N, C-alpha and C. Protein backbone atom coordinates (compact mmCIF):
# COMPACT_ATOMS: atom_id res chain seq x y z
N MET A 1 52.40 -43.69 -41.22
CA MET A 1 51.96 -44.11 -42.53
C MET A 1 52.47 -43.11 -43.55
N ASN A 2 52.90 -43.63 -44.71
CA ASN A 2 53.44 -42.80 -45.79
C ASN A 2 54.60 -41.93 -45.32
N THR A 3 55.44 -42.47 -44.45
CA THR A 3 56.59 -41.72 -43.94
C THR A 3 57.87 -42.51 -44.17
N VAL A 4 58.98 -41.84 -43.97
CA VAL A 4 60.30 -42.46 -44.05
C VAL A 4 61.00 -42.16 -42.73
N ASN A 5 61.64 -43.18 -42.15
CA ASN A 5 62.42 -42.97 -40.94
C ASN A 5 63.75 -43.69 -41.09
N GLU A 6 64.47 -43.90 -39.98
CA GLU A 6 65.80 -44.52 -40.05
C GLU A 6 65.77 -45.93 -40.63
N LEU A 7 64.62 -46.57 -40.66
CA LEU A 7 64.50 -47.91 -41.23
C LEU A 7 64.11 -47.87 -42.71
N GLY A 8 63.86 -46.67 -43.24
CA GLY A 8 63.47 -46.56 -44.64
C GLY A 8 62.01 -46.19 -44.78
N GLU A 9 61.47 -46.42 -45.98
CA GLU A 9 60.07 -46.09 -46.25
C GLU A 9 59.15 -46.98 -45.44
N GLN A 10 58.14 -46.38 -44.85
CA GLN A 10 57.17 -47.12 -44.06
C GLN A 10 55.96 -47.47 -44.92
N PHE A 11 55.03 -48.16 -44.33
CA PHE A 11 53.87 -48.65 -45.07
C PHE A 11 52.98 -47.53 -45.58
N ARG A 12 52.22 -47.89 -46.60
CA ARG A 12 51.22 -46.99 -47.15
C ARG A 12 49.84 -47.60 -46.87
N ARG A 13 48.83 -46.79 -46.95
CA ARG A 13 47.46 -47.27 -46.72
C ARG A 13 47.14 -48.46 -47.62
N SER A 14 47.58 -48.41 -48.86
CA SER A 14 47.32 -49.51 -49.80
C SER A 14 47.97 -50.81 -49.32
N ASP A 15 49.10 -50.71 -48.62
CA ASP A 15 49.74 -51.91 -48.07
C ASP A 15 48.82 -52.57 -47.04
N LEU A 16 48.23 -51.75 -46.15
CA LEU A 16 47.32 -52.28 -45.13
C LEU A 16 46.11 -52.94 -45.77
N GLU A 17 45.57 -52.29 -46.77
CA GLU A 17 44.39 -52.84 -47.44
C GLU A 17 44.71 -54.16 -48.11
N MET A 18 45.87 -54.23 -48.79
CA MET A 18 46.26 -55.46 -49.47
C MET A 18 46.49 -56.58 -48.46
N LEU A 19 47.21 -56.28 -47.37
CA LEU A 19 47.48 -57.30 -46.36
C LEU A 19 46.19 -57.80 -45.72
N SER A 20 45.31 -56.88 -45.40
CA SER A 20 44.04 -57.25 -44.80
C SER A 20 43.22 -58.12 -45.74
N ASP A 21 43.17 -57.73 -47.02
CA ASP A 21 42.44 -58.51 -48.03
C ASP A 21 43.02 -59.91 -48.19
N ASP A 22 44.34 -60.05 -47.96
CA ASP A 22 45.00 -61.35 -48.10
C ASP A 22 44.93 -62.20 -46.83
N GLY A 23 44.21 -61.71 -45.80
CA GLY A 23 44.01 -62.51 -44.60
C GLY A 23 45.02 -62.30 -43.50
N HIS A 24 45.86 -61.28 -43.64
CA HIS A 24 46.82 -60.99 -42.58
C HIS A 24 46.13 -60.28 -41.43
N GLU A 25 46.74 -60.36 -40.28
CA GLU A 25 46.18 -59.76 -39.07
C GLU A 25 46.73 -58.37 -38.84
N LEU A 26 45.87 -57.45 -38.45
CA LEU A 26 46.31 -56.11 -38.04
C LEU A 26 46.27 -56.07 -36.52
N ALA A 27 47.44 -55.94 -35.92
CA ALA A 27 47.55 -55.90 -34.47
C ALA A 27 48.13 -54.56 -34.05
N SER A 28 48.10 -54.28 -32.77
CA SER A 28 48.51 -52.99 -32.24
C SER A 28 49.96 -53.02 -31.76
N HIS A 29 50.59 -51.81 -31.81
CA HIS A 29 52.00 -51.68 -31.43
C HIS A 29 52.25 -50.30 -30.83
N THR A 30 51.23 -49.66 -30.30
CA THR A 30 51.15 -48.28 -29.83
C THR A 30 51.05 -47.32 -31.01
N PHE A 31 50.76 -46.08 -30.73
CA PHE A 31 50.64 -45.08 -31.79
C PHE A 31 52.00 -44.53 -32.21
N SER A 32 52.85 -44.23 -31.23
CA SER A 32 54.13 -43.58 -31.51
C SER A 32 55.34 -44.48 -31.33
N HIS A 33 55.11 -45.79 -31.20
CA HIS A 33 56.20 -46.74 -30.97
C HIS A 33 57.02 -46.32 -29.76
N VAL A 34 56.33 -46.21 -28.64
CA VAL A 34 56.95 -45.76 -27.39
C VAL A 34 57.07 -46.94 -26.42
N SER A 35 58.17 -46.99 -25.71
CA SER A 35 58.40 -48.03 -24.72
C SER A 35 57.60 -47.76 -23.46
N CYS A 36 57.06 -48.80 -22.86
CA CYS A 36 56.34 -48.64 -21.60
C CYS A 36 57.30 -48.25 -20.48
N ARG A 37 58.59 -48.40 -20.70
CA ARG A 37 59.59 -48.01 -19.69
C ARG A 37 59.94 -46.54 -19.76
N SER A 38 59.52 -45.84 -20.81
CA SER A 38 59.91 -44.44 -20.97
C SER A 38 58.80 -43.45 -20.66
N VAL A 39 57.60 -43.94 -20.37
CA VAL A 39 56.46 -43.07 -20.07
C VAL A 39 55.71 -43.63 -18.87
N SER A 40 54.79 -42.84 -18.34
CA SER A 40 53.98 -43.31 -17.21
C SER A 40 53.02 -44.39 -17.67
N ASP A 41 52.46 -45.11 -16.72
CA ASP A 41 51.49 -46.16 -17.05
C ASP A 41 50.30 -45.58 -17.81
N GLY A 42 49.83 -44.41 -17.37
CA GLY A 42 48.69 -43.78 -18.04
C GLY A 42 49.02 -43.35 -19.45
N GLN A 43 50.23 -42.80 -19.65
CA GLN A 43 50.64 -42.40 -21.00
C GLN A 43 50.77 -43.62 -21.91
N PHE A 44 51.29 -44.70 -21.37
CA PHE A 44 51.44 -45.91 -22.19
C PHE A 44 50.06 -46.45 -22.58
N ALA A 45 49.13 -46.48 -21.64
CA ALA A 45 47.78 -46.94 -21.94
C ALA A 45 47.15 -46.06 -23.02
N ASP A 46 47.38 -44.74 -22.94
CA ASP A 46 46.87 -43.83 -23.97
C ASP A 46 47.49 -44.13 -25.33
N GLU A 47 48.79 -44.43 -25.36
CA GLU A 47 49.47 -44.78 -26.61
C GLU A 47 48.87 -46.04 -27.23
N VAL A 48 48.60 -47.02 -26.39
CA VAL A 48 47.99 -48.26 -26.88
C VAL A 48 46.61 -47.96 -27.46
N ASP A 49 45.81 -47.19 -26.73
CA ASP A 49 44.47 -46.83 -27.21
C ASP A 49 44.52 -46.03 -28.51
N ARG A 50 45.44 -45.08 -28.59
CA ARG A 50 45.57 -44.27 -29.82
C ARG A 50 45.96 -45.15 -31.00
N GLY A 51 46.84 -46.10 -30.78
CA GLY A 51 47.25 -47.01 -31.85
C GLY A 51 46.09 -47.86 -32.34
N ARG A 52 45.32 -48.36 -31.43
CA ARG A 52 44.17 -49.19 -31.80
C ARG A 52 43.13 -48.35 -32.53
N LYS A 53 42.92 -47.12 -32.06
CA LYS A 53 41.96 -46.22 -32.71
C LYS A 53 42.42 -45.86 -34.12
N ALA A 54 43.72 -45.65 -34.29
CA ALA A 54 44.25 -45.30 -35.62
C ALA A 54 44.01 -46.43 -36.62
N ILE A 55 44.17 -47.67 -36.18
CA ILE A 55 43.89 -48.80 -37.07
C ILE A 55 42.44 -48.75 -37.52
N GLN A 56 41.55 -48.51 -36.58
CA GLN A 56 40.12 -48.43 -36.89
C GLN A 56 39.83 -47.30 -37.88
N GLU A 57 40.44 -46.13 -37.63
CA GLU A 57 40.18 -44.97 -38.49
C GLU A 57 40.76 -45.16 -39.89
N ILE A 58 41.93 -45.74 -39.98
CA ILE A 58 42.60 -45.90 -41.28
C ILE A 58 41.97 -47.00 -42.11
N THR A 59 41.64 -48.12 -41.46
CA THR A 59 41.18 -49.29 -42.22
C THR A 59 39.67 -49.50 -42.17
N GLY A 60 39.02 -48.89 -41.18
CA GLY A 60 37.60 -49.16 -41.00
C GLY A 60 37.36 -50.48 -40.28
N GLN A 61 38.43 -51.11 -39.80
CA GLN A 61 38.34 -52.39 -39.08
C GLN A 61 38.96 -52.24 -37.70
N SER A 62 38.47 -53.01 -36.77
CA SER A 62 39.10 -53.06 -35.45
C SER A 62 40.36 -53.89 -35.55
N ASP A 63 41.31 -53.59 -34.68
CA ASP A 63 42.50 -54.44 -34.65
C ASP A 63 42.11 -55.78 -34.03
N SER A 64 43.03 -56.73 -34.04
CA SER A 64 42.74 -58.08 -33.58
C SER A 64 42.65 -58.21 -32.07
N GLY A 65 43.10 -57.19 -31.34
CA GLY A 65 43.17 -57.30 -29.88
C GLY A 65 44.50 -57.88 -29.43
N ASN A 66 45.37 -58.18 -30.38
CA ASN A 66 46.71 -58.67 -30.06
C ASN A 66 47.68 -57.50 -30.16
N PHE A 67 48.75 -57.58 -29.39
CA PHE A 67 49.64 -56.43 -29.21
C PHE A 67 51.08 -56.90 -29.18
N ALA A 68 51.99 -56.05 -29.66
CA ALA A 68 53.43 -56.31 -29.55
C ALA A 68 54.06 -55.13 -28.83
N PHE A 69 54.81 -55.42 -27.77
CA PHE A 69 55.48 -54.37 -27.02
C PHE A 69 56.57 -53.72 -27.88
N PRO A 70 56.54 -52.39 -28.06
CA PRO A 70 57.60 -51.72 -28.81
C PRO A 70 58.97 -51.99 -28.17
N PHE A 71 59.94 -52.27 -29.01
CA PHE A 71 61.31 -52.59 -28.61
C PHE A 71 61.37 -53.88 -27.77
N GLY A 72 60.25 -54.56 -27.61
CA GLY A 72 60.20 -55.75 -26.77
C GLY A 72 60.26 -55.44 -25.30
N GLU A 73 60.20 -54.17 -24.94
CA GLU A 73 60.33 -53.76 -23.54
C GLU A 73 58.99 -53.81 -22.84
N PHE A 74 58.99 -54.40 -21.65
CA PHE A 74 57.75 -54.53 -20.89
C PHE A 74 58.07 -54.37 -19.41
N THR A 75 57.03 -54.12 -18.65
CA THR A 75 57.13 -54.13 -17.19
C THR A 75 55.98 -55.02 -16.70
N LEU A 76 56.10 -55.47 -15.48
CA LEU A 76 55.02 -56.28 -14.92
C LEU A 76 53.73 -55.48 -14.85
N ARG A 77 53.85 -54.20 -14.53
CA ARG A 77 52.66 -53.36 -14.43
C ARG A 77 52.00 -53.18 -15.80
N ALA A 78 52.81 -52.97 -16.84
CA ALA A 78 52.24 -52.82 -18.19
C ALA A 78 51.54 -54.10 -18.61
N ARG A 79 52.15 -55.24 -18.33
CA ARG A 79 51.50 -56.52 -18.67
C ARG A 79 50.16 -56.63 -17.96
N LYS A 80 50.15 -56.31 -16.67
CA LYS A 80 48.91 -56.43 -15.91
C LYS A 80 47.85 -55.44 -16.41
N ASN A 81 48.27 -54.20 -16.67
CA ASN A 81 47.31 -53.19 -17.13
C ASN A 81 46.70 -53.55 -18.49
N LEU A 82 47.49 -54.12 -19.37
CA LEU A 82 46.99 -54.46 -20.70
C LEU A 82 46.24 -55.78 -20.74
N SER A 83 46.51 -56.65 -19.77
CA SER A 83 45.96 -58.00 -19.83
C SER A 83 44.43 -58.05 -19.78
N SER A 84 43.80 -57.09 -19.15
CA SER A 84 42.34 -57.11 -19.08
C SER A 84 41.70 -56.47 -20.32
N ARG A 85 42.51 -55.82 -21.15
CA ARG A 85 41.96 -55.10 -22.30
C ARG A 85 42.32 -55.72 -23.64
N LEU A 86 43.32 -56.58 -23.65
CA LEU A 86 43.80 -57.17 -24.89
C LEU A 86 43.72 -58.68 -24.85
N VAL A 87 43.75 -59.28 -26.00
CA VAL A 87 43.71 -60.74 -26.09
C VAL A 87 45.10 -61.31 -25.77
N SER A 88 46.13 -60.68 -26.33
CA SER A 88 47.49 -61.15 -26.05
C SER A 88 48.48 -60.01 -26.21
N CYS A 89 49.65 -60.20 -25.60
CA CYS A 89 50.77 -59.27 -25.73
C CYS A 89 52.00 -60.09 -26.08
N ARG A 90 52.73 -59.63 -27.11
CA ARG A 90 53.90 -60.36 -27.59
C ARG A 90 55.18 -59.64 -27.19
N SER A 91 56.14 -60.43 -26.79
CA SER A 91 57.46 -59.91 -26.44
C SER A 91 58.41 -60.19 -27.60
N ILE A 92 59.70 -59.96 -27.35
CA ILE A 92 60.73 -60.41 -28.28
C ILE A 92 61.65 -61.40 -27.55
N ARG A 93 61.12 -62.02 -26.49
CA ARG A 93 61.85 -63.08 -25.79
C ARG A 93 61.85 -64.31 -26.68
N ASN A 94 63.03 -64.79 -27.03
CA ASN A 94 63.13 -65.95 -27.91
C ASN A 94 62.54 -67.19 -27.27
N GLY A 95 62.13 -68.12 -28.10
CA GLY A 95 61.67 -69.40 -27.61
C GLY A 95 60.33 -69.79 -28.17
N LEU A 96 59.84 -70.90 -27.65
CA LEU A 96 58.58 -71.47 -28.08
C LEU A 96 57.52 -71.23 -27.02
N ASN A 97 56.29 -71.20 -27.44
CA ASN A 97 55.15 -71.08 -26.53
C ASN A 97 54.56 -72.48 -26.36
N GLY A 98 54.51 -72.93 -25.15
CA GLY A 98 53.93 -74.23 -24.85
C GLY A 98 54.93 -75.13 -24.14
N PRO A 99 54.44 -76.09 -23.37
CA PRO A 99 53.02 -76.41 -23.20
C PRO A 99 52.25 -75.35 -22.41
N GLU A 100 52.92 -74.61 -21.52
CA GLU A 100 52.22 -73.50 -20.86
C GLU A 100 52.43 -72.24 -21.67
N ILE A 101 51.38 -71.43 -21.80
CA ILE A 101 51.45 -70.23 -22.61
C ILE A 101 51.05 -69.03 -21.77
N ASP A 102 51.89 -68.02 -21.76
CA ASP A 102 51.59 -66.77 -21.07
C ASP A 102 51.14 -65.77 -22.12
N LEU A 103 49.83 -65.57 -22.22
CA LEU A 103 49.31 -64.67 -23.24
C LEU A 103 49.61 -63.20 -22.97
N SER A 104 50.10 -62.89 -21.78
CA SER A 104 50.48 -61.51 -21.51
C SER A 104 51.95 -61.26 -21.91
N LEU A 105 52.64 -62.32 -22.35
CA LEU A 105 54.03 -62.18 -22.79
C LEU A 105 54.41 -63.36 -23.68
N LEU A 106 53.79 -63.41 -24.85
CA LEU A 106 54.11 -64.48 -25.80
C LEU A 106 55.57 -64.38 -26.24
N ARG A 107 56.20 -65.52 -26.39
CA ARG A 107 57.57 -65.56 -26.89
C ARG A 107 57.57 -65.45 -28.41
N ALA A 108 58.59 -64.78 -28.96
CA ALA A 108 58.68 -64.63 -30.41
C ALA A 108 60.15 -64.55 -30.81
N ASN A 109 60.42 -64.90 -32.05
CA ASN A 109 61.79 -65.00 -32.54
C ASN A 109 61.98 -64.10 -33.76
N SER A 110 63.06 -63.34 -33.73
CA SER A 110 63.32 -62.41 -34.83
C SER A 110 63.70 -63.16 -36.10
N LEU A 111 63.27 -62.62 -37.21
CA LEU A 111 63.65 -63.11 -38.52
C LEU A 111 64.28 -61.91 -39.23
N TYR A 112 65.58 -61.75 -39.00
CA TYR A 112 66.32 -60.61 -39.52
C TYR A 112 67.43 -61.12 -40.44
N GLY A 113 67.74 -60.38 -41.48
CA GLY A 113 68.90 -60.69 -42.31
C GLY A 113 68.54 -61.37 -43.62
N ASP A 114 69.47 -62.22 -44.05
CA ASP A 114 69.37 -62.87 -45.36
C ASP A 114 69.49 -64.37 -45.18
N ASP A 115 69.80 -65.06 -46.25
CA ASP A 115 69.80 -66.52 -46.25
C ASP A 115 70.77 -67.15 -45.26
N ASP A 116 71.74 -66.40 -44.74
CA ASP A 116 72.65 -66.94 -43.73
C ASP A 116 71.92 -67.24 -42.42
N LYS A 117 70.67 -66.80 -42.27
CA LYS A 117 69.89 -67.04 -41.05
C LYS A 117 68.91 -68.20 -41.21
N ILE A 118 68.89 -68.82 -42.38
CA ILE A 118 67.91 -69.89 -42.64
C ILE A 118 68.08 -71.06 -41.68
N GLU A 119 69.30 -71.52 -41.50
CA GLU A 119 69.54 -72.71 -40.67
C GLU A 119 69.02 -72.53 -39.24
N ALA A 120 69.26 -71.36 -38.66
CA ALA A 120 68.78 -71.11 -37.29
C ALA A 120 67.25 -71.16 -37.23
N ALA A 121 66.59 -70.60 -38.23
CA ALA A 121 65.12 -70.64 -38.27
C ALA A 121 64.63 -72.07 -38.45
N TRP A 122 65.28 -72.82 -39.31
CA TRP A 122 64.88 -74.22 -39.52
C TRP A 122 65.03 -75.03 -38.23
N GLN A 123 66.09 -74.76 -37.46
CA GLN A 123 66.28 -75.47 -36.19
C GLN A 123 65.14 -75.17 -35.22
N LEU A 124 64.69 -73.92 -35.19
CA LEU A 124 63.55 -73.58 -34.34
C LEU A 124 62.29 -74.32 -34.79
N ILE A 125 62.10 -74.43 -36.08
CA ILE A 125 60.93 -75.15 -36.61
C ILE A 125 61.00 -76.62 -36.21
N HIS A 126 62.18 -77.23 -36.31
CA HIS A 126 62.35 -78.63 -35.89
C HIS A 126 62.07 -78.78 -34.39
N GLN A 127 62.62 -77.86 -33.59
CA GLN A 127 62.41 -77.90 -32.14
C GLN A 127 60.92 -77.79 -31.82
N ASN A 128 60.24 -76.89 -32.50
CA ASN A 128 58.81 -76.70 -32.27
C ASN A 128 58.02 -77.95 -32.64
N GLU A 129 58.43 -78.59 -33.72
CA GLU A 129 57.76 -79.82 -34.15
C GLU A 129 57.87 -80.90 -33.07
N LYS A 130 59.05 -81.03 -32.48
CA LYS A 130 59.27 -82.02 -31.42
C LYS A 130 58.49 -81.67 -30.16
N GLN A 131 58.48 -80.39 -29.81
CA GLN A 131 57.82 -79.93 -28.58
C GLN A 131 56.32 -79.81 -28.74
N LYS A 132 55.85 -79.73 -29.99
CA LYS A 132 54.43 -79.53 -30.29
C LYS A 132 53.94 -78.24 -29.65
N GLY A 133 54.73 -77.20 -29.88
CA GLY A 133 54.41 -75.89 -29.32
C GLY A 133 53.89 -74.93 -30.37
N TRP A 134 54.07 -73.68 -30.08
CA TRP A 134 53.62 -72.60 -30.93
C TRP A 134 54.80 -71.68 -31.14
N LEU A 135 55.23 -71.56 -32.38
CA LEU A 135 56.41 -70.78 -32.75
C LEU A 135 55.97 -69.51 -33.45
N ILE A 136 56.44 -68.37 -32.96
CA ILE A 136 56.13 -67.08 -33.57
C ILE A 136 57.43 -66.47 -34.09
N PHE A 137 57.40 -66.06 -35.36
CA PHE A 137 58.49 -65.28 -35.94
C PHE A 137 57.99 -63.85 -36.14
N TYR A 138 58.90 -62.89 -36.08
CA TYR A 138 58.55 -61.51 -36.39
C TYR A 138 59.70 -60.86 -37.16
N THR A 139 59.36 -59.87 -37.96
CA THR A 139 60.32 -59.03 -38.65
C THR A 139 59.67 -57.68 -38.86
N HIS A 140 60.42 -56.73 -39.36
CA HIS A 140 59.86 -55.39 -39.55
C HIS A 140 59.64 -55.03 -41.01
N ASP A 141 60.61 -55.31 -41.84
CA ASP A 141 60.45 -54.99 -43.25
C ASP A 141 60.99 -56.16 -44.06
N VAL A 142 60.39 -56.38 -45.22
CA VAL A 142 60.80 -57.46 -46.11
C VAL A 142 61.11 -56.82 -47.46
N ARG A 143 62.38 -56.81 -47.81
CA ARG A 143 62.80 -56.20 -49.07
C ARG A 143 64.22 -56.67 -49.38
N PRO A 144 64.65 -56.50 -50.63
CA PRO A 144 65.98 -56.99 -51.02
C PRO A 144 67.12 -56.43 -50.17
N ASN A 145 67.02 -55.19 -49.74
CA ASN A 145 68.03 -54.58 -48.87
C ASN A 145 67.34 -54.12 -47.59
N PRO A 146 67.06 -55.05 -46.69
CA PRO A 146 66.27 -54.70 -45.50
C PRO A 146 67.06 -53.87 -44.50
N SER A 147 66.31 -53.24 -43.60
CA SER A 147 66.95 -52.56 -42.46
C SER A 147 67.55 -53.64 -41.56
N ARG A 148 68.24 -53.22 -40.52
CA ARG A 148 68.81 -54.22 -39.60
C ARG A 148 67.74 -54.97 -38.83
N PHE A 149 66.49 -54.51 -38.91
CA PHE A 149 65.37 -55.18 -38.24
C PHE A 149 64.46 -55.89 -39.24
N GLY A 150 64.92 -56.06 -40.45
CA GLY A 150 64.10 -56.69 -41.47
C GLY A 150 64.78 -57.91 -42.06
N CYS A 151 64.16 -58.46 -43.09
CA CYS A 151 64.73 -59.63 -43.75
C CYS A 151 64.49 -59.54 -45.26
N THR A 152 65.22 -60.36 -45.97
CA THR A 152 65.05 -60.41 -47.42
C THR A 152 63.84 -61.27 -47.77
N PRO A 153 63.26 -61.05 -48.94
CA PRO A 153 62.18 -61.93 -49.39
C PRO A 153 62.64 -63.38 -49.44
N SER A 154 63.88 -63.61 -49.82
CA SER A 154 64.40 -64.97 -49.91
C SER A 154 64.38 -65.68 -48.56
N LEU A 155 64.80 -64.98 -47.50
CA LEU A 155 64.78 -65.58 -46.16
C LEU A 155 63.35 -65.89 -45.74
N LEU A 156 62.46 -64.94 -45.90
CA LEU A 156 61.07 -65.17 -45.49
C LEU A 156 60.46 -66.33 -46.27
N GLU A 157 60.65 -66.36 -47.58
CA GLU A 157 60.09 -67.44 -48.39
C GLU A 157 60.67 -68.79 -48.00
N SER A 158 61.98 -68.86 -47.72
CA SER A 158 62.61 -70.11 -47.32
C SER A 158 62.06 -70.63 -46.01
N VAL A 159 61.88 -69.75 -45.06
CA VAL A 159 61.39 -70.15 -43.73
C VAL A 159 59.93 -70.60 -43.82
N VAL A 160 59.11 -69.84 -44.50
CA VAL A 160 57.69 -70.21 -44.64
C VAL A 160 57.56 -71.52 -45.40
N SER A 161 58.32 -71.68 -46.47
CA SER A 161 58.28 -72.91 -47.27
C SER A 161 58.71 -74.12 -46.44
N PHE A 162 59.79 -73.96 -45.67
CA PHE A 162 60.27 -75.06 -44.83
C PHE A 162 59.24 -75.42 -43.77
N ALA A 163 58.65 -74.41 -43.15
CA ALA A 163 57.63 -74.67 -42.13
C ALA A 163 56.45 -75.42 -42.75
N SER A 164 56.04 -75.01 -43.91
CA SER A 164 54.92 -75.66 -44.59
C SER A 164 55.26 -77.11 -44.93
N ARG A 165 56.45 -77.34 -45.45
CA ARG A 165 56.87 -78.72 -45.79
C ARG A 165 56.98 -79.59 -44.54
N SER A 166 57.27 -78.99 -43.40
CA SER A 166 57.42 -79.76 -42.16
C SER A 166 56.07 -80.23 -41.61
N GLY A 167 55.00 -79.67 -42.18
CA GLY A 167 53.67 -80.01 -41.69
C GLY A 167 53.13 -79.00 -40.70
N ALA A 168 53.91 -77.97 -40.41
CA ALA A 168 53.44 -76.93 -39.49
C ALA A 168 52.28 -76.18 -40.12
N ARG A 169 51.36 -75.78 -39.30
CA ARG A 169 50.25 -74.94 -39.77
C ARG A 169 50.66 -73.49 -39.60
N ILE A 170 50.56 -72.72 -40.64
CA ILE A 170 50.96 -71.33 -40.61
C ILE A 170 49.71 -70.49 -40.39
N MET A 171 49.69 -69.82 -39.25
CA MET A 171 48.49 -69.10 -38.81
C MET A 171 48.88 -67.76 -38.20
N THR A 172 47.93 -66.83 -38.18
CA THR A 172 48.14 -65.59 -37.45
C THR A 172 47.92 -65.85 -35.96
N VAL A 173 48.36 -64.92 -35.14
CA VAL A 173 48.13 -65.03 -33.70
C VAL A 173 46.62 -65.13 -33.43
N ALA A 174 45.84 -64.29 -34.10
CA ALA A 174 44.38 -64.31 -33.90
C ALA A 174 43.79 -65.67 -34.26
N GLU A 175 44.27 -66.28 -35.33
CA GLU A 175 43.74 -67.59 -35.73
C GLU A 175 44.08 -68.66 -34.69
N VAL A 176 45.29 -68.63 -34.17
CA VAL A 176 45.67 -69.61 -33.15
C VAL A 176 44.80 -69.44 -31.91
N LEU A 177 44.65 -68.20 -31.45
CA LEU A 177 43.87 -67.97 -30.23
C LEU A 177 42.40 -68.29 -30.43
N ALA A 178 41.87 -68.04 -31.61
CA ALA A 178 40.47 -68.39 -31.89
C ALA A 178 40.31 -69.91 -31.84
N GLU A 179 41.29 -70.62 -32.35
CA GLU A 179 41.21 -72.08 -32.36
C GLU A 179 41.26 -72.67 -30.96
N VAL A 180 42.08 -72.09 -30.10
CA VAL A 180 42.17 -72.64 -28.75
C VAL A 180 41.16 -72.02 -27.80
N GLY A 181 40.37 -71.05 -28.32
CA GLY A 181 39.26 -70.52 -27.56
C GLY A 181 39.63 -69.63 -26.40
N ARG A 182 40.62 -68.78 -26.59
CA ARG A 182 41.04 -67.87 -25.52
C ARG A 182 40.37 -66.51 -25.71
N SER A 183 40.13 -65.81 -24.59
CA SER A 183 39.45 -64.53 -24.69
C SER A 183 40.35 -63.34 -24.35
N THR A 184 40.90 -63.27 -23.15
CA THR A 184 41.80 -62.17 -22.81
C THR A 184 42.99 -62.70 -22.04
N CYS A 185 44.04 -61.88 -22.00
CA CYS A 185 45.22 -62.26 -21.22
C CYS A 185 44.84 -62.51 -19.77
N GLN A 186 43.98 -61.64 -19.21
CA GLN A 186 43.61 -61.73 -17.81
C GLN A 186 42.92 -63.07 -17.51
N ASP A 187 42.01 -63.48 -18.36
CA ASP A 187 41.35 -64.77 -18.16
C ASP A 187 42.39 -65.87 -18.07
N ASN A 188 43.41 -65.80 -18.91
CA ASN A 188 44.41 -66.84 -18.95
C ASN A 188 45.38 -66.75 -17.79
N LEU A 189 45.66 -65.56 -17.31
CA LEU A 189 46.51 -65.42 -16.14
C LEU A 189 45.83 -66.07 -14.93
N GLU A 190 44.52 -65.86 -14.83
CA GLU A 190 43.79 -66.42 -13.70
C GLU A 190 43.60 -67.93 -13.82
N ALA A 191 43.46 -68.42 -15.06
CA ALA A 191 43.17 -69.83 -15.26
C ALA A 191 44.44 -70.67 -15.36
N GLY A 192 45.60 -70.08 -15.58
CA GLY A 192 46.82 -70.85 -15.75
C GLY A 192 46.78 -71.64 -17.04
N VAL A 193 46.86 -70.97 -18.16
CA VAL A 193 46.69 -71.58 -19.48
C VAL A 193 47.67 -72.69 -19.75
N LYS A 194 47.17 -73.75 -20.34
CA LYS A 194 47.99 -74.83 -20.86
C LYS A 194 47.59 -75.04 -22.29
N ALA A 195 48.58 -75.31 -23.13
CA ALA A 195 48.28 -75.53 -24.55
C ALA A 195 47.58 -76.86 -24.75
């Protein structure tokens, strides 16, 4: 928080407060953005716990219980270890979720770049509409000159507007899971979740 790294200026406390007030979800991503492949299972679990605790300390709110694997890297053991403690874990594996949904490894699609990426995002929205699935987009920063892991405001606005016009419901991960009544990844692994 309040730092600058290779991606540019990072968020400020006021950003978190504004996003939270606007109904956005605060989810966990570890404390130090460390890959589960680069540390022991115990160290990774500690990183996840530290990240969740930091959200609580900074905002006064608990995180949503949803998680995104740093760098999209996961192991079967990390998925299993986190599944009993978290509601969901998100990957960066492209695609749609549904009709079967693996809450320990939700599929998600990057939204990086500028308006030259609009058509690909629109195609995913059309595909999701036909499949009646659950489409997740992710990005890191939204600004006129984004990092290579971010997007422009124009791209984000175009994609959200197109999704809305298509009749898609735009929801946070927490809102979707609350609607379908899911509790933890582990419950869903045992039950064999279907959308």
